[in-house]
C-alpha atoms as a PDB file:
ATOM      1  CA  MET A   1      56.487  15.145 169.125  1.00  0.00           C
ATOM      2  CA  ALA A   2      54.239  14.473 172.146  1.00  0.00           C
ATOM      3  CA  ASP A   3      51.440  16.216 173.098  1.00  0.00           C
ATOM      4  CA  SER A   4      51.457  17.656 176.424  1.00  0.00           C
ATOM      5  CA  SER A   5      48.547  19.609 175.998  1.00  0.00           C
ATOM      6  CA  ASN A   6      45.167  18.443 177.330  1.00  0.00           C
ATOM      7  CA  SER A   7      42.362  17.342 174.874  1.00  0.00           C
ATOM      8  CA  GLN A   8      40.332  20.115 175.604  1.00  0.00           C
ATOM      9  CA  THR A   9      40.805  23.618 175.016  1.00  0.00           C
ATOM     10  CA  GLN A  10      43.423  24.993 177.775  1.00  0.00           C
ATOM     11  CA  GLY A  11      42.617  28.362 179.913  1.00  0.00           C
ATOM     12  CA  VAL A  12      44.906  31.226 180.357  1.00  0.00           C
ATOM     13  CA  GLY A  13      44.220  34.294 182.211  1.00  0.00           C
ATOM     14  CA  PHE A  14      42.975  36.601 179.533  1.00  0.00           C
ATOM     15  CA  ALA A  15      42.375  33.933 176.663  1.00  0.00           C
ATOM     16  CA  THR A  16      42.322  30.253 175.617  1.00  0.00           C
ATOM     17  CA  VAL A  17      44.818  28.099 174.158  1.00  0.00           C
ATOM     18  CA  PRO A  18      43.095  25.620 171.335  1.00  0.00           C
ATOM     19  CA  GLN A  19      42.792  22.421 171.587  1.00  0.00           C
ATOM     20  CA  HIS A  20      44.853  22.162 168.391  1.00  0.00           C
ATOM     21  CA  ILE A  21      47.960  23.626 169.582  1.00  0.00           C
ATOM     22  CA  LEU A  22      50.163  20.995 170.903  1.00  0.00           C
ATOM     23  CA  THR A  23      53.461  21.742 173.503  1.00  0.00           C
ATOM     24  CA  GLN A  24      56.632  20.227 173.574  1.00  0.00           C
ATOM     25  CA  GLN A  25      59.522  21.009 175.518  1.00  0.00           C
ATOM     26  CA  LEU A  26      62.945  20.359 173.810  1.00  0.00           C
ATOM     27  CA  GLU A  27      65.807  21.293 176.303  1.00  0.00           C
ATOM     28  CA  ASP A  28      66.071  25.116 176.904  1.00  0.00           C
ATOM     29  CA  GLU A  29      63.128  25.902 174.320  1.00  0.00           C
ATOM     30  CA  LEU A  30      59.148  24.825 174.020  1.00  0.00           C
ATOM     31  CA  ILE A  31      57.805  24.152 170.891  1.00  0.00           C
ATOM     32  CA  LEU A  32      54.344  25.227 169.822  1.00  0.00           C
ATOM     33  CA  LEU A  33      52.550  23.209 167.303  1.00  0.00           C
ATOM     34  CA  ASP A  34      49.535  24.143 165.053  1.00  0.00           C
ATOM     35  CA  THR A  35      48.183  20.696 164.091  1.00  0.00           C
ATOM     36  CA  GLU A  36      45.429  22.549 161.544  1.00  0.00           C
ATOM     37  CA  LYS A  37      47.769  24.849 159.923  1.00  0.00           C
ATOM     38  CA  GLY A  38      51.502  23.013 160.199  1.00  0.00           C
ATOM     39  CA  GLN A  39      52.852  25.892 161.949  1.00  0.00           C
ATOM     40  CA  TYR A  40      55.192  25.985 164.858  1.00  0.00           C
ATOM     41  CA  PHE A  41      56.696  28.577 167.018  1.00  0.00           C
ATOM     42  CA  SER A  42      59.858  27.658 168.810  1.00  0.00           C
ATOM     43  CA  LEU A  43      60.063  29.944 172.226  1.00  0.00           C
ATOM     44  CA  ASN A  44      63.193  30.620 174.199  1.00  0.00           C
ATOM     45  CA  GLU A  45      63.942  30.435 177.886  1.00  0.00           C
ATOM     46  CA  VAL A  46      61.986  33.829 178.080  1.00  0.00           C
ATOM     47  CA  GLY A  47      59.141  33.198 175.867  1.00  0.00           C
ATOM     48  CA  SER A  48      58.682  29.967 177.493  1.00  0.00           C
ATOM     49  CA  ARG A  49      58.363  31.146 180.904  1.00  0.00           C
ATOM     50  CA  MET A  50      56.043  33.586 179.887  1.00  0.00           C
ATOM     51  CA  TRP A  51      54.157  30.922 178.343  1.00  0.00           C
ATOM     52  CA  THR A  52      53.975  28.890 181.213  1.00  0.00           C
ATOM     53  CA  LEU A  53      52.978  31.565 183.558  1.00  0.00           C
ATOM     54  CA  LEU A  54      50.046  32.184 181.326  1.00  0.00           C
ATOM     55  CA  GLN A  55      49.315  28.523 181.393  1.00  0.00           C
ATOM     56  CA  GLN A  56      48.891  28.821 185.067  1.00  0.00           C
ATOM     57  CA  GLY A  57      46.077  31.119 184.306  1.00  0.00           C
ATOM     58  CA  LYS A  58      47.927  34.604 185.244  1.00  0.00           C
ATOM     59  CA  ASP A  59      46.581  37.860 183.584  1.00  0.00           C
ATOM     60  CA  LEU A  60      49.194  39.997 182.086  1.00  0.00           C
ATOM     61  CA  GLU A  61      49.951  41.906 184.901  1.00  0.00           C
ATOM     62  CA  GLY A  62      50.546  38.663 186.846  1.00  0.00           C
ATOM     63  CA  VAL A  63      53.015  37.519 184.037  1.00  0.00           C
ATOM     64  CA  LEU A  64      54.908  40.802 184.344  1.00  0.00           C
ATOM     65  CA  ASN A  65      55.257  41.314 187.803  1.00  0.00           C
ATOM     66  CA  ASP A  66      56.615  37.386 188.195  1.00  0.00           C
ATOM     67  CA  MET A  67      58.965  38.063 185.516  1.00  0.00           C
ATOM     68  CA  LEU A  68      60.375  41.373 187.079  1.00  0.00           C
ATOM     69  CA  GLN A  69      61.285  39.567 189.927  1.00  0.00           C
ATOM     70  CA  GLU A  70      62.813  36.678 188.359  1.00  0.00           C
ATOM     71  CA  TYR A  71      64.791  38.462 185.516  1.00  0.00           C
ATOM     72  CA  GLU A  72      67.041  41.907 185.541  1.00  0.00           C
ATOM     73  CA  VAL A  73      65.050  43.745 183.159  1.00  0.00           C
ATOM     74  CA  GLU A  74      62.953  47.441 183.061  1.00  0.00           C
ATOM     75  CA  GLU A  75      59.395  46.998 183.534  1.00  0.00           C
ATOM     76  CA  SER A  76      58.707  49.088 180.320  1.00  0.00           C
ATOM     77  CA  LYS A  77      60.827  46.759 178.001  1.00  0.00           C
ATOM     78  CA  LEU A  78      59.162  43.470 179.589  1.00  0.00           C
ATOM     79  CA  ARG A  79      55.913  44.811 179.495  1.00  0.00           C
ATOM     80  CA  ALA A  80      56.453  45.747 175.457  1.00  0.00           C
ATOM     81  CA  ASP A  81      57.950  42.349 175.135  1.00  0.00           C
ATOM     82  CA  LEU A  82      55.229  40.797 176.698  1.00  0.00           C
ATOM     83  CA  ALA A  83      52.838  42.630 174.738  1.00  0.00           C
ATOM     84  CA  LYS A  84      54.487  41.827 171.533  1.00  0.00           C
ATOM     85  CA  PHE A  85      54.484  38.393 172.460  1.00  0.00           C
ATOM     86  CA  VAL A  86      51.040  37.736 173.300  1.00  0.00           C
ATOM     87  CA  ASP A  87      49.735  40.040 170.013  1.00  0.00           C
ATOM     88  CA  LYS A  88      51.880  37.635 168.020  1.00  0.00           C
ATOM     89  CA  LEU A  89      50.499  34.240 169.332  1.00  0.00           C
ATOM     90  CA  THR A  90      46.926  35.729 168.880  1.00  0.00           C
ATOM     91  CA  SER A  91      47.612  37.065 165.633  1.00  0.00           C
ATOM     92  CA  GLN A  92      48.558  33.451 164.482  1.00  0.00           C
ATOM     93  CA  GLY A  93      46.008  31.626 166.130  1.00  0.00           C
ATOM     94  CA  PHE A  94      48.192  29.938 169.507  1.00  0.00           C
ATOM     95  CA  LEU A  95      46.000  31.931 171.711  1.00  0.00           C
ATOM     96  CA  GLN A  96      42.397  32.873 171.397  1.00  0.00           C
ATOM     97  CA  PRO A  97      41.239  36.162 173.357  1.00  0.00           C
ATOM     98  CA  ARG A  98      38.373  35.113 175.660  1.00  0.00           C
ATOM     99  CA  ASP A  99      34.768  36.429 174.816  1.00  0.00           C
ATOM    100  CA  SER A 100      34.001  39.703 177.700  1.00  0.00           C
END
């Protein structure tokens, strides 16, 4: 799997992506690979879009607002899904919260 991430820790609006996390786009999904743990996540189109917006440095509200314009979904549902997405990736070490 080719590394499409930078060699340094990458920033997202409120968190960082550790440098041992590699990403690779495969057709309609995005693969996140933790090279230290040997774990990976496969993100569908919606998860891939969330990840991309986070990589662009958007905070959670920015991601939410952009996605509300792009997808037909209720705000409360998207907000819950986004929180779950970030919590899961953070708990598995794919994202690390920035120190405040």
